[in-house]
Amino acid sequence: MERRLTAILISDIVGYTKLMEEDTEGTVAAWSDARDNVVEPQIESASGRLVKFMGDGFLAEFGTVQTALECAIAIQNGVESNSLNFRMAVHMGDIIDDGKDIYGEGINIASRLEGIAEPGGICISGDVYNQVRNRITAEYEDIGPQEVKNVAEPVQAYSVRFENLKKEQGAPAELKKKEKPSIAVLPFNNMSADPEQEYFSDGITEDIITALSHLRWLNVIARNSSFSYKGQSPDIRKVSEELNCRYVLEGSIQKAGARVRINAQLLEGESGNHIWAEKYDRNLEDIFELQDEITLSVLGAIEPSLRSAEIERSKRKPPDSLDAYDLCLRAISSMYSFNPSDNSKALDLFHKAIELEPDYAEALAYASWGYEQRFNRGWDQYSDDDIGSGADLALRAIRTGSEDPIVLVLSGFVLIMSSADVQLGLLTAKRALKINPNIGFVYTIGGTCLLYSGDDNIEAIKNLELSLSISPRDPTAFALYANLGLAYLENGDPIKAEEYCNKSIELYPSWDTGLQGIITVLVTNRKLEEAKLFLQRLVSVDKSFSIKRFEESTRIGNQSLKSKMVDALRQVGAPET
């Protein structure tokens, strides 16, 4: 007997029993015609193995899921004129082959999926979808997780719409929709002499897969597919091609006495180039606590690295091949400069992405933040009403029903900073913090919401420090340090406030909000002459800066903090108008 991973195609005829009762000879003739002239030739042409016919259906296996789905589509197209309707399903799973038949959980799952396929349709599992979505041109409808008897976890399912494939291929190109990136987490290698540590290596891998699956903008290759490489040292480029994933995370675990060393590295699939790597040395006391700690650390570290890699990838693509996702990525890269020109370019791109996909929650939320950057700094209007435009986009993002914490926290932030709906903004930001899987950016913006609204300064510090601990390389670290400094100032610790505000200036010497923050803290610490030097830099960066414009554009609810900043600006001689 042989145990292996294979691509399974299973099919049966809709209403076969009733058809046989009504017209036995006609049904048999139609089935024989489909079997002899379509099913067998197509499976043979695709180099598949026809395992068996099952009265009113068949079971076949293939070397790849792409071949299996292409064969299923070819068969459905081939029987279009037949009087019978077929349901089909494709799944990749573990099977046991005794030489005559195949058995196992993979067959059970495929059979369950086939049962929910529409007449004349095809249903595929999430594992299959992740590997074919960019390779086979079709419409894929998410029909949610499906319970399968004797299988512990529900199986994600998709319906494949292929009826108009030929027409679509011959038609002019339509507007491109977003294409999410994907990652495979390979089983971490157990480098210890103790084989009993294998469960710990597998546990770390499974926890990371689960944690990454909470990143709504990322597709994660399912465990069964990733674990098919267990015990191997595969070429990352081959893994990327076989699993159709853009990134691969791999690692190793080595135990020595009461200590454990965990190495992890993130690689680009197509080139095999390193994107990120980290080593963790820990005491092996509570093994489950350690698993949780490492999982959160890895997630917090690689999330911004993946974002940066995706932004760089989008910059390399020709302009005419950009989809909504790429447009959004390019726009995000222009957001962090915090200057009016780059901000306008970002908003142009965000609006193009929204034109392609009106309910693209991430584009809506980031675009709302783009408007916030403008109205909170008193820049020239991008629209007729930047405050209203920002608030409207934030509300649209919320109304999509997205549970992406980045979407929620940005939308909440804009509603707070625009004063459009502070209560809803706070509730939305707190929801983002509650469901945040461990994204530093969410902790940063969420903590800032708590600070600027005046809601809870202690919780603001807690979340900002949490962001600092898990994601020190986040591209918004300069904002994190500045806001953490102001939070400590509000908390009565101006010494620590100065320390953090100085770090913000080191990272971004010309950021207006950072300069306003360091001026406020230095005046509080009676360092007036030093604060005046930073005022000179502020007015050279923003030549139209004035206290009046600052008061009008800074719409924060934390009046204690705002009054400290206005008073400090007056003490160093900032222009009133």
Protein backbone atom coordinates (compact mmCIF):
# COMPACT_ATOMS: atom_id res chain seq x y z
CA MET A 1 0.00 0.00 0.00
CA GLU A 2 1.15 3.55 -0.76
CA ARG A 3 0.19 6.70 1.10
CA ARG A 4 0.54 9.98 -0.80
CA LEU A 5 -0.88 13.42 -1.55
CA THR A 6 -2.86 13.60 -4.79
CA ALA A 7 -5.30 15.76 -6.74
CA ILE A 8 -8.74 14.14 -6.69
CA LEU A 9 -11.56 14.63 -9.21
CA ILE A 10 -14.90 13.06 -8.34
CA SER A 11 -18.22 13.29 -10.16
CA ASP A 12 -21.76 11.94 -10.30
CA ILE A 13 -24.92 12.47 -12.32
CA VAL A 14 -27.66 14.72 -10.91
CA GLY A 15 -30.91 12.85 -10.23
CA TYR A 16 -29.61 9.61 -11.71
CA THR A 17 -32.03 7.28 -9.84
CA LYS A 18 -35.11 9.22 -10.96
CA LEU A 19 -33.81 9.43 -14.53
CA MET A 20 -33.32 5.65 -14.59
CA GLU A 21 -36.88 5.14 -13.36
CA GLU A 22 -38.30 7.45 -16.04
CA ASP A 23 -36.14 6.40 -19.02
CA THR A 24 -33.69 3.60 -18.35
CA GLU A 25 -32.49 3.07 -21.90
CA GLY A 26 -32.15 6.78 -22.68
CA THR A 27 -30.25 7.46 -19.44
CA VAL A 28 -27.85 4.55 -19.99
CA ALA A 29 -27.24 5.66 -23.57
CA ALA A 30 -26.53 9.26 -22.51
CA TRP A 31 -24.17 8.13 -19.74
CA SER A 32 -22.37 5.71 -22.07
CA ASP A 33 -21.91 8.48 -24.64
CA ALA A 34 -20.51 10.89 -22.02
CA ARG A 35 -18.25 8.20 -20.54
CA ASP A 36 -16.83 6.90 -23.82
CA ASN A 37 -16.57 10.14 -25.78
CA VAL A 38 -15.80 12.76 -23.13
CA VAL A 39 -14.81 11.47 -19.68
CA GLU A 40 -12.29 8.78 -20.61
CA PRO A 41 -10.64 10.71 -23.49
CA GLN A 42 -10.29 13.90 -21.40
CA ILE A 43 -8.75 12.09 -18.39
CA GLU A 44 -6.36 10.23 -20.68
CA SER A 45 -5.45 13.47 -22.48
CA ALA A 46 -4.69 15.14 -19.14
CA SER A 47 -2.43 12.20 -18.13
CA GLY A 48 -4.77 11.43 -15.25
CA ARG A 49 -5.63 8.06 -13.77
CA LEU A 50 -9.22 6.90 -14.01
CA VAL A 51 -9.49 4.99 -10.72
CA LYS A 52 -13.03 3.68 -11.22
CA PHE A 53 -16.53 4.25 -12.49
CA MET A 54 -19.19 4.22 -9.78
CA GLY A 55 -22.49 3.48 -11.53
CA ASP A 56 -23.47 7.10 -12.10
CA GLY A 57 -20.08 8.72 -11.70
CA PHE A 58 -16.33 8.34 -11.63
CA LEU A 59 -13.22 8.91 -9.50
CA ALA A 60 -9.91 10.06 -10.98
CA GLU A 61 -6.58 11.35 -9.73
CA PHE A 62 -4.00 13.70 -11.21
CA GLY A 63 -0.46 14.86 -10.56
CA THR A 64 -1.48 18.50 -10.01
CA VAL A 65 -4.66 20.30 -9.01
CA GLN A 66 -4.35 22.56 -12.04
CA THR A 67 -4.55 19.55 -14.37
CA ALA A 68 -7.45 18.11 -12.38
CA LEU A 69 -9.51 21.31 -12.56
CA GLU A 70 -8.69 21.88 -16.24
CA CYS A 71 -9.86 18.33 -16.94
CA ALA A 72 -13.07 18.88 -14.94
CA ILE A 73 -13.81 22.04 -16.93
CA ALA A 74 -13.07 20.24 -20.22
CA ILE A 75 -15.44 17.40 -19.28
CA GLN A 76 -18.24 19.78 -18.25
CA ASN A 77 -17.84 21.67 -21.52
CA GLY A 78 -17.76 18.36 -23.41
CA VAL A 79 -21.06 17.13 -21.94
CA GLU A 80 -22.83 20.45 -22.40
CA SER A 81 -25.07 19.02 -25.12
CA ASN A 82 -25.67 15.76 -23.22
CA SER A 83 -29.07 15.31 -21.56
CA LEU A 84 -27.37 14.51 -18.23
CA ASN A 85 -26.08 17.02 -15.68
CA PHE A 86 -22.89 16.26 -13.77
CA ARG A 87 -21.69 17.57 -10.44
CA MET A 88 -17.92 17.61 -9.91
CA ALA A 89 -15.42 18.42 -7.19
CA VAL A 90 -11.64 18.77 -7.06
CA HIS A 91 -9.61 18.47 -3.87
CA MET A 92 -6.00 17.82 -2.95
CA GLY A 93 -5.60 15.43 -0.04
CA ASP A 94 -3.99 12.39 1.52
CA ILE A 95 -5.00 9.02 0.09
CA ILE A 96 -4.03 5.37 0.51
CA ASP A 97 -3.57 3.42 -2.75
CA ASP A 98 -3.83 -0.38 -2.59
CA GLY A 99 -3.15 -0.74 -6.29
CA LYS A 100 -6.80 -1.16 -7.26
CA ASP A 101 -8.59 1.65 -5.45
CA ILE A 102 -7.84 4.76 -3.40
CA TYR A 103 -9.19 5.58 0.06
CA GLY A 104 -8.83 8.14 2.82
CA GLU A 105 -9.85 11.51 4.17
CA GLY A 106 -9.09 13.22 0.86
CA ILE A 107 -11.76 11.13 -0.88
CA ASN A 108 -14.30 11.89 1.86
CA ILE A 109 -13.72 15.63 1.51
CA ALA A 110 -13.94 15.51 -2.30
CA SER A 111 -17.19 13.54 -2.07
CA ARG A 112 -18.68 16.09 0.34
CA LEU A 113 -17.72 18.98 -1.94
CA GLU A 114 -19.17 17.21 -4.98
CA GLY A 115 -22.47 16.92 -3.13
CA ILE A 116 -22.78 20.71 -2.76
CA ALA A 117 -21.76 21.54 -6.34
CA GLU A 118 -24.49 22.95 -8.56
CA PRO A 119 -25.84 20.79 -11.41
CA GLY A 120 -23.38 21.20 -14.25
CA GLY A 121 -20.97 22.89 -11.85
CA ILE A 122 -17.65 22.32 -10.11
CA CYS A 123 -16.78 22.81 -6.45
CA ILE A 124 -13.19 23.02 -5.20
CA SER A 125 -11.56 23.11 -1.77
CA GLY A 126 -9.58 26.04 -0.37
CA ASP A 127 -6.33 24.13 -0.96
CA VAL A 128 -7.15 23.84 -4.65
CA TYR A 129 -8.28 27.46 -4.91
CA ASN A 130 -4.99 28.75 -3.49
CA GLN A 131 -3.08 26.90 -6.19
CA VAL A 132 -5.24 27.59 -9.26
CA ARG A 133 -6.76 31.02 -8.74
CA ASN A 134 -3.97 32.77 -10.67
CA ARG A 135 -3.43 29.96 -13.17
CA ILE A 136 -6.90 29.10 -14.46
CA THR A 137 -9.06 31.96 -15.69
CA ALA A 138 -12.46 31.48 -14.08
CA GLU A 139 -14.74 33.09 -11.53
CA TYR A 140 -14.36 31.66 -8.03
CA GLU A 141 -17.22 32.18 -5.59
CA ASP A 142 -16.46 31.72 -1.90
CA ILE A 143 -19.25 29.50 -0.50
CA GLY A 144 -17.77 29.30 2.97
CA PRO A 145 -16.49 26.52 5.24
CA GLN A 146 -18.22 23.15 4.93
CA GLU A 147 -18.57 20.51 7.64
CA VAL A 148 -17.29 17.08 6.61
CA LYS A 149 -18.14 13.93 8.56
CA ASN A 150 -15.18 12.56 10.54
CA VAL A 151 -13.02 15.61 9.64
CA ALA A 152 -12.20 17.83 12.63
CA GLU A 153 -12.02 21.21 10.88
CA PRO A 154 -14.51 22.64 8.35
CA VAL A 155 -13.26 22.68 4.74
CA GLN A 156 -13.27 25.97 2.85
CA ALA A 157 -15.13 25.62 -0.46
CA TYR A 158 -15.38 27.59 -3.70
CA SER A 159 -17.73 27.30 -6.65
CA VAL A 160 -16.02 27.57 -10.06
CA ARG A 161 -17.82 29.61 -12.72
CA PHE A 162 -16.44 28.59 -16.10
CA GLU A 163 -19.47 28.78 -18.41
CA ASN A 164 -18.38 31.95 -20.18
CA LEU A 165 -14.65 31.24 -20.20
CA LYS A 166 -14.29 31.22 -23.96
CA LYS A 167 -16.35 34.38 -24.39
CA GLU A 168 -14.35 36.17 -21.71
CA GLN A 169 -11.04 35.14 -23.23
CA GLY A 170 -12.08 36.62 -26.58
CA ALA A 171 -13.56 39.79 -25.12
CA PRO A 172 -11.68 43.04 -24.45
CA ALA A 173 -9.84 43.13 -21.14
CA GLU A 174 -12.03 44.25 -18.28
CA LEU A 175 -11.00 46.25 -15.24
CA LYS A 176 -8.69 44.21 -13.06
CA LYS A 177 -9.71 43.26 -9.54
CA LYS A 178 -7.41 42.77 -6.58
CA GLU A 179 -5.28 39.68 -6.31
CA LYS A 180 -4.25 38.74 -2.78
CA PRO A 181 -0.71 37.47 -2.16
CA SER A 182 -0.21 34.01 -0.70
CA ILE A 183 2.24 32.34 1.66
CA ALA A 184 3.13 28.76 2.51
CA VAL A 185 4.53 27.86 5.92
CA LEU A 186 6.70 24.77 5.58
CA PRO A 187 7.02 22.38 8.56
CA PHE A 188 9.77 23.65 10.86
CA ASN A 189 12.65 21.16 10.93
CA ASN A 190 13.36 19.41 14.20
CA MET A 191 17.15 19.68 14.51
CA SER A 192 17.23 18.09 17.99
CA ALA A 193 18.45 14.58 18.64
CA ASP A 194 15.21 13.97 20.50
CA PRO A 195 12.52 12.76 18.06
CA GLU A 196 9.88 13.52 20.70
CA GLN A 197 10.40 17.21 19.96
CA GLU A 198 8.75 16.62 16.58
CA TYR A 199 5.36 17.53 18.03
CA PHE A 200 6.76 20.87 19.21
CA SER A 201 8.10 21.69 15.72
CA ASP A 202 4.77 20.76 14.15
CA GLY A 203 2.88 22.73 16.80
CA ILE A 204 4.87 25.90 16.08
CA THR A 205 4.23 25.51 12.35
CA GLU A 206 0.50 24.94 12.79
CA ASP A 207 0.17 27.91 15.16
CA ILE A 208 1.92 30.21 12.69
CA ILE A 209 -0.37 29.01 9.87
CA THR A 210 -3.39 29.74 12.06
CA ALA A 211 -2.09 33.17 13.10
CA LEU A 212 -1.25 34.20 9.53
CA SER A 213 -4.73 33.16 8.40
CA HIS A 214 -6.08 36.07 10.47
CA LEU A 215 -4.37 38.53 8.11
CA ARG A 216 -7.31 39.31 5.84
CA TRP A 217 -5.15 40.60 3.00
CA LEU A 218 -3.15 37.36 2.77
CA ASN A 219 -4.01 33.88 1.48
CA VAL A 220 -2.37 31.13 3.52
CA ILE A 221 -1.76 27.73 1.96
CA ALA A 222 -3.52 25.07 4.03
CA ARG A 223 -1.65 22.79 6.41
CA ASN A 224 -2.16 19.60 4.39
CA SER A 225 -0.44 21.08 1.36
CA SER A 226 2.43 22.61 3.33
CA PHE A 227 3.05 19.44 5.35
CA SER A 228 3.45 17.37 2.19
CA TYR A 229 7.06 18.71 2.23
CA LYS A 230 7.75 17.45 5.75
CA GLY A 231 11.12 15.75 6.06
CA GLN A 232 12.33 17.20 2.76
CA SER A 233 14.68 20.06 1.85
CA PRO A 234 12.87 21.33 -1.25
CA ASP A 235 13.95 24.12 -3.57
CA ILE A 236 11.88 27.12 -2.46
CA ARG A 237 11.27 28.11 -6.07
CA LYS A 238 9.78 24.67 -6.74
CA VAL A 239 7.56 24.92 -3.65
CA SER A 240 6.36 28.33 -4.82
CA GLU A 241 5.49 26.95 -8.24
CA GLU A 242 3.80 23.77 -6.97
CA LEU A 243 1.73 25.53 -4.31
CA ASN A 244 1.24 28.71 -6.37
CA CYS A 245 2.37 30.91 -3.50
CA ARG A 246 4.30 34.15 -3.62
CA TYR A 247 6.13 33.73 -0.29
CA VAL A 248 7.47 30.84 1.74
CA LEU A 249 8.25 30.79 5.47
CA GLU A 250 10.55 28.07 6.73
CA GLY A 251 12.45 27.43 9.93
CA SER A 252 14.14 25.04 12.29
CA ILE A 253 13.99 24.21 15.99
CA GLN A 254 16.89 22.94 18.07
CA LYS A 255 16.62 21.94 21.72
CA ALA A 256 19.58 21.66 24.09
CA GLY A 257 18.76 20.96 27.73
CA ALA A 258 16.33 23.55 28.99
CA ARG A 259 17.03 25.92 26.09
CA VAL A 260 15.53 26.03 22.62
CA ARG A 261 16.68 27.93 19.53
CA ILE A 262 14.18 28.72 16.79
CA ASN A 263 15.27 30.08 13.41
CA ALA A 264 12.76 31.45 10.92
CA GLN A 265 13.17 33.00 7.50
CA LEU A 266 10.81 34.50 4.96
CA LEU A 267 11.67 34.04 1.29
CA GLU A 268 10.30 35.26 -2.01
CA GLY A 269 9.07 32.19 -3.86
CA GLU A 270 9.94 33.07 -7.44
CA SER A 271 13.55 34.09 -6.78
CA GLY A 272 14.27 32.35 -3.47
CA ASN A 273 15.64 35.64 -2.12
CA HIS A 274 15.58 36.32 1.62
CA ILE A 275 13.16 38.98 2.83
CA TRP A 276 13.43 38.53 6.60
CA ALA A 277 15.18 36.26 9.08
CA GLU A 278 15.25 36.05 12.86
CA LYS A 279 16.62 33.83 15.62
CA TYR A 280 14.85 33.24 18.93
CA ASP A 281 16.64 31.78 21.97
CA ARG A 282 14.32 30.90 24.84
CA ASN A 283 14.09 28.86 28.03
CA LEU A 284 11.94 25.78 27.56
CA GLU A 285 9.74 26.02 30.66
CA ASP A 286 6.06 26.19 29.66
CA ILE A 287 6.02 24.71 26.17
CA PHE A 288 2.55 26.03 25.26
CA GLU A 289 3.37 29.52 26.50
CA LEU A 290 6.56 29.40 24.44
CA GLN A 291 4.62 28.34 21.33
CA ASP A 292 2.26 31.30 21.77
CA GLU A 293 5.14 33.73 22.30
CA ILE A 294 7.08 32.59 19.23
CA THR A 295 3.96 32.57 17.06
CA LEU A 296 3.08 36.16 18.01
CA SER A 297 6.69 37.29 17.59
CA VAL A 298 6.97 35.78 14.11
CA LEU A 299 3.62 37.22 13.01
CA GLY A 300 4.43 40.68 14.36
CA ALA A 301 7.80 40.68 12.61
CA ILE A 302 6.88 39.33 9.19
CA GLU A 303 3.63 41.27 8.66
CA PRO A 304 5.38 44.59 7.90
CA SER A 305 8.10 42.70 5.97
CA LEU A 306 5.44 41.10 3.76
CA ARG A 307 3.77 44.49 3.25
CA SER A 308 7.08 46.06 2.22
CA ALA A 309 7.84 43.18 -0.14
CA GLU A 310 4.41 43.53 -1.74
CA ILE A 311 4.90 47.28 -2.21
CA GLU A 312 8.25 46.71 -3.90
CA ARG A 313 6.71 44.02 -6.10
CA SER A 314 3.93 46.39 -7.21
CA LYS A 315 6.50 49.03 -8.17
CA ARG A 316 8.12 46.58 -10.60
CA LYS A 317 4.88 45.87 -12.47
CA PRO A 318 4.06 47.73 -15.73
CA PRO A 319 1.39 50.43 -15.18
CA ASP A 320 -1.09 48.80 -17.57
CA SER A 321 -1.01 45.51 -15.63
CA LEU A 322 -1.91 46.95 -12.22
CA ASP A 323 -5.00 45.58 -10.48
CA ALA A 324 -6.85 47.23 -7.60
CA TYR A 325 -4.56 45.55 -5.07
CA ASP A 326 -1.40 46.80 -6.81
CA LEU A 327 -2.81 50.31 -7.10
CA CYS A 328 -3.55 50.28 -3.38
CA LEU A 329 -0.02 49.09 -2.57
CA ARG A 330 1.58 51.81 -4.67
CA ALA A 331 -0.61 54.39 -2.98
CA ILE A 332 0.30 53.16 0.51
CA SER A 333 4.01 53.56 -0.24
CA SER A 334 3.38 57.28 -0.90
CA MET A 335 1.43 57.80 2.31
CA TYR A 336 4.37 57.61 4.71
CA SER A 337 6.21 60.65 3.36
CA PHE A 338 3.51 62.92 4.84
CA ASN A 339 3.83 65.67 2.23
CA PRO A 340 1.05 67.18 0.10
CA SER A 341 2.46 66.14 -3.29
CA ASP A 342 2.93 62.44 -2.47
CA ASN A 343 -0.39 62.46 -0.65
CA SER A 344 -2.18 63.68 -3.80
CA LYS A 345 -0.52 60.93 -5.85
CA ALA A 346 -1.63 58.37 -3.27
CA LEU A 347 -5.23 59.58 -3.35
CA ASP A 348 -5.23 59.44 -7.16
CA LEU A 349 -4.22 55.76 -6.96
CA PHE A 350 -6.65 54.93 -4.17
CA HIS A 351 -9.53 56.36 -6.17
CA LYS A 352 -8.50 54.30 -9.21
CA ALA A 353 -8.49 51.18 -7.03
CA ILE A 354 -11.93 52.08 -5.66
CA GLU A 355 -13.18 52.65 -9.22
CA LEU A 356 -12.12 49.09 -10.03
CA GLU A 357 -13.63 47.71 -6.82
CA PRO A 358 -16.10 50.06 -5.10
CA ASP A 359 -16.29 47.86 -1.98
CA TYR A 360 -12.52 47.37 -1.60
CA ALA A 361 -12.43 48.01 2.15
CA GLU A 362 -8.67 48.48 2.45
CA ALA A 363 -8.55 51.07 -0.34
CA LEU A 364 -11.50 52.92 1.19
CA ALA A 365 -9.89 52.99 4.64
CA TYR A 366 -6.46 54.06 3.44
CA ALA A 367 -7.99 56.72 1.18
CA SER A 368 -9.89 58.10 4.18
CA TRP A 369 -6.56 58.30 6.03
CA GLY A 370 -5.12 60.18 3.05
CA TYR A 371 -7.78 62.84 3.47
CA GLU A 372 -7.10 62.94 7.23
CA GLN A 373 -3.46 63.72 6.55
CA ARG A 374 -4.59 66.72 4.51
CA PHE A 375 -7.27 68.22 6.74
CA ASN A 376 -5.30 67.60 9.93
CA ARG A 377 -2.39 69.63 8.55
CA GLY A 378 -4.35 72.35 6.80
CA TRP A 379 -3.01 71.42 3.34
CA ASP A 380 -4.74 72.61 0.18
CA GLN A 381 -7.97 70.76 -0.45
CA TYR A 382 -7.83 67.69 -2.65
CA SER A 383 -11.63 67.65 -2.90
CA ASP A 384 -14.35 70.21 -2.30
CA ASP A 385 -14.53 69.03 1.32
CA ASP A 386 -11.59 66.92 2.55
CA ILE A 387 -13.06 66.44 6.02
CA GLY A 388 -16.36 65.22 4.61
CA SER A 389 -14.63 63.08 1.98
CA GLY A 390 -12.42 61.40 4.57
CA ALA A 391 -15.31 60.70 6.92
CA ASP A 392 -17.50 59.39 4.08
CA LEU A 393 -14.80 56.95 2.92
CA ALA A 394 -14.27 55.77 6.51
CA LEU A 395 -17.98 55.06 6.87
CA ARG A 396 -18.04 53.25 3.51
CA ALA A 397 -15.13 51.07 4.66
CA ILE A 398 -16.99 50.18 7.86
CA ARG A 399 -20.19 49.44 5.95
CA THR A 400 -18.41 46.79 3.85
CA GLY A 401 -18.53 44.63 6.99
CA SER A 402 -14.77 44.02 6.83
CA GLU A 403 -13.22 42.50 9.93
CA ASP A 404 -9.71 43.44 8.78
CA PRO A 405 -8.25 45.22 11.84
CA ILE A 406 -6.26 47.63 9.62
CA VAL A 407 -9.46 48.70 7.86
CA LEU A 408 -11.26 49.14 11.18
CA VAL A 409 -8.51 51.04 12.97
CA LEU A 410 -7.91 53.49 10.10
CA SER A 411 -11.64 54.11 9.67
CA GLY A 412 -12.05 54.67 13.40
CA PHE A 413 -9.05 57.00 13.47
CA VAL A 414 -10.44 59.18 10.68
CA LEU A 415 -13.88 59.42 12.32
CA ILE A 416 -12.15 60.57 15.52
CA MET A 417 -9.77 63.04 13.86
CA SER A 418 -12.54 64.53 11.70
CA SER A 419 -14.95 64.73 14.66
CA ALA A 420 -17.53 63.24 12.30
CA ASP A 421 -18.51 60.51 14.78
CA VAL A 422 -16.06 60.17 17.67
CA GLN A 423 -18.14 57.57 19.48
CA LEU A 424 -18.36 55.27 16.43
CA GLY A 425 -14.70 55.93 15.73
CA LEU A 426 -13.69 54.82 19.22
CA LEU A 427 -15.88 51.73 19.12
CA THR A 428 -14.44 50.80 15.72
CA ALA A 429 -10.83 51.34 16.83
CA LYS A 430 -11.40 49.30 20.00
CA ARG A 431 -12.90 46.52 17.90
CA ALA A 432 -9.75 46.55 15.77
CA LEU A 433 -7.56 46.29 18.87
CA LYS A 434 -9.67 43.43 20.21
CA ILE A 435 -9.38 41.30 17.08
CA ASN A 436 -5.83 42.35 16.18
CA PRO A 437 -3.78 39.16 15.60
CA ASN A 438 -0.52 41.02 16.43
CA ILE A 439 -0.05 43.73 13.81
CA GLY A 440 2.11 46.57 15.08
CA PHE A 441 0.47 49.17 12.84
CA VAL A 442 -2.94 48.41 14.37
CA TYR A 443 -1.58 48.87 17.90
CA THR A 444 0.05 52.16 16.79
CA ILE A 445 -3.05 53.72 15.23
CA GLY A 446 -5.34 52.22 17.88
CA GLY A 447 -3.21 53.65 20.69
CA THR A 448 -3.19 57.00 18.90
CA CYS A 449 -7.00 56.92 18.75
CA LEU A 450 -7.14 56.46 22.52
CA LEU A 451 -4.63 59.28 23.04
CA TYR A 452 -6.11 61.90 20.72
CA SER A 453 -9.70 61.23 21.72
CA GLY A 454 -8.76 61.58 25.39
CA ASP A 455 -10.48 58.27 26.08
CA ASP A 456 -7.85 56.27 27.99
CA ASN A 457 -4.25 57.42 28.19
CA ILE A 458 -3.04 54.33 30.09
CA GLU A 459 -4.46 52.02 27.42
CA ALA A 460 -2.96 54.29 24.77
CA ILE A 461 0.52 53.80 26.26
CA LYS A 462 -0.06 50.06 26.62
CA ASN A 463 -0.95 49.63 22.95
CA LEU A 464 1.79 51.93 21.66
CA GLU A 465 4.43 50.10 23.70
CA LEU A 466 3.05 46.76 22.52
CA SER A 467 3.51 47.93 18.92
CA LEU A 468 7.07 48.96 19.72
CA SER A 469 7.88 45.57 21.22
CA ILE A 470 6.57 43.45 18.35
CA SER A 471 7.30 45.60 15.32
CA PRO A 472 10.22 48.02 15.80
CA ARG A 473 10.82 48.00 12.01
CA ASP A 474 7.34 49.19 11.14
CA PRO A 475 7.49 52.01 8.55
CA THR A 476 5.38 54.20 10.87
CA ALA A 477 7.76 53.80 13.84
CA PHE A 478 8.48 57.56 13.74
CA ALA A 479 4.79 58.24 14.40
CA LEU A 480 4.72 55.58 17.09
CA TYR A 481 7.59 57.25 19.01
CA ALA A 482 6.06 60.73 18.70
CA ASN A 483 2.64 59.65 19.93
CA LEU A 484 4.15 57.54 22.70
CA GLY A 485 6.08 60.62 23.81
CA LEU A 486 2.92 62.72 23.90
CA ALA A 487 1.09 59.97 25.77
CA TYR A 488 3.81 59.94 28.44
CA LEU A 489 3.61 63.74 28.61
CA GLU A 490 -0.11 63.45 29.29
CA ASN A 491 0.70 60.80 31.88
CA GLY A 492 2.95 63.18 33.80
CA ASP A 493 6.33 61.81 32.69
CA PRO A 494 7.96 64.56 30.55
CA ILE A 495 11.44 62.97 30.80
CA LYS A 496 10.35 59.75 29.12
CA ALA A 497 8.24 61.85 26.75
CA GLU A 498 11.35 63.72 25.59
CA GLU A 499 13.24 60.44 25.09
CA TYR A 500 10.56 59.06 22.75
CA CYS A 501 9.98 62.32 20.87
CA ASN A 502 13.71 62.56 20.18
CA LYS A 503 13.63 59.04 18.71
CA SER A 504 10.83 60.13 16.40
CA ILE A 505 12.91 63.08 15.17
CA GLU A 506 15.89 60.78 14.59
CA LEU A 507 13.79 58.59 12.31
CA TYR A 508 12.02 61.43 10.47
CA PRO A 509 13.69 64.83 11.12
CA SER A 510 11.19 66.83 9.03
CA TRP A 511 7.86 65.28 10.06
CA ASP A 512 5.60 68.15 11.12
CA THR A 513 3.73 66.28 13.86
CA GLY A 514 7.00 64.98 15.30
CA LEU A 515 8.40 68.53 15.37
CA GLN A 516 5.27 69.83 17.07
CA GLY A 517 5.60 67.05 19.64
CA ILE A 518 9.26 67.65 20.48
CA ILE A 519 8.61 71.41 20.80
CA THR A 520 5.80 70.72 23.29
CA VAL A 521 7.90 68.32 25.36
CA LEU A 522 11.01 70.56 25.41
CA VAL A 523 8.98 73.59 26.52
CA THR A 524 7.47 71.46 29.31
CA ASN A 525 11.02 70.47 30.35
CA ARG A 526 12.07 74.17 30.27
CA LYS A 527 14.42 73.77 27.33
CA LEU A 528 13.10 76.81 25.49
CA GLU A 529 16.16 77.59 23.34
CA GLU A 530 16.38 74.01 22.09
CA ALA A 531 12.65 74.07 21.33
CA LYS A 532 13.10 77.25 19.27
CA LEU A 533 15.59 75.46 17.02
CA PHE A 534 12.95 72.87 16.22
CA LEU A 535 10.45 75.65 15.49
CA GLN A 536 12.85 77.00 12.87
CA ARG A 537 12.87 73.57 11.24
CA LEU A 538 9.08 73.34 11.43
CA VAL A 539 8.47 76.66 9.66
CA SER A 540 11.12 75.84 7.04
CA VAL A 541 9.33 72.53 6.32
CA ASP A 542 5.87 74.14 6.37
CA LYS A 543 6.24 77.79 5.38
CA SER A 544 2.55 78.53 5.90
CA PHE A 545 2.48 77.12 9.43
CA SER A 546 0.66 79.22 12.02
CA ILE A 547 -0.94 78.71 15.42
CA LYS A 548 -4.33 79.68 13.98
CA ARG A 549 -4.09 77.01 11.27
CA PHE A 550 -2.89 74.45 13.82
CA GLU A 551 -5.85 75.16 16.12
CA GLU A 552 -8.35 74.99 13.27
CA SER A 553 -7.00 71.82 11.63
CA THR A 554 -6.13 69.84 14.76
CA ARG A 555 -9.57 68.48 15.64
CA ILE A 556 -8.60 66.15 18.48
CA GLY A 557 -10.90 65.62 21.44
CA ASN A 558 -8.03 65.56 23.94
CA GLN A 559 -8.18 69.26 24.83
CA SER A 560 -5.55 68.87 27.56
CA LEU A 561 -2.96 67.76 25.02
CA LYS A 562 -4.04 70.30 22.42
CA SER A 563 -3.76 73.20 24.88
CA LYS A 564 -0.23 72.07 25.89
CA MET A 565 0.82 72.05 22.22
CA VAL A 566 -0.72 75.47 21.46
CA ASP A 567 0.85 76.99 24.58
CA ALA A 568 4.29 75.57 23.71
CA LEU A 569 4.09 76.93 20.15
CA ARG A 570 3.29 80.39 21.52
CA GLN A 571 6.18 80.26 24.00
CA VAL A 572 8.71 79.56 21.22
CA GLY A 573 7.32 82.35 19.06
CA ALA A 574 5.40 80.51 16.36
CA PRO A 575 3.48 82.88 14.05
CA GLU A 576 -0.10 83.44 15.15
CA THR A 577 -1.52 83.72 11.60
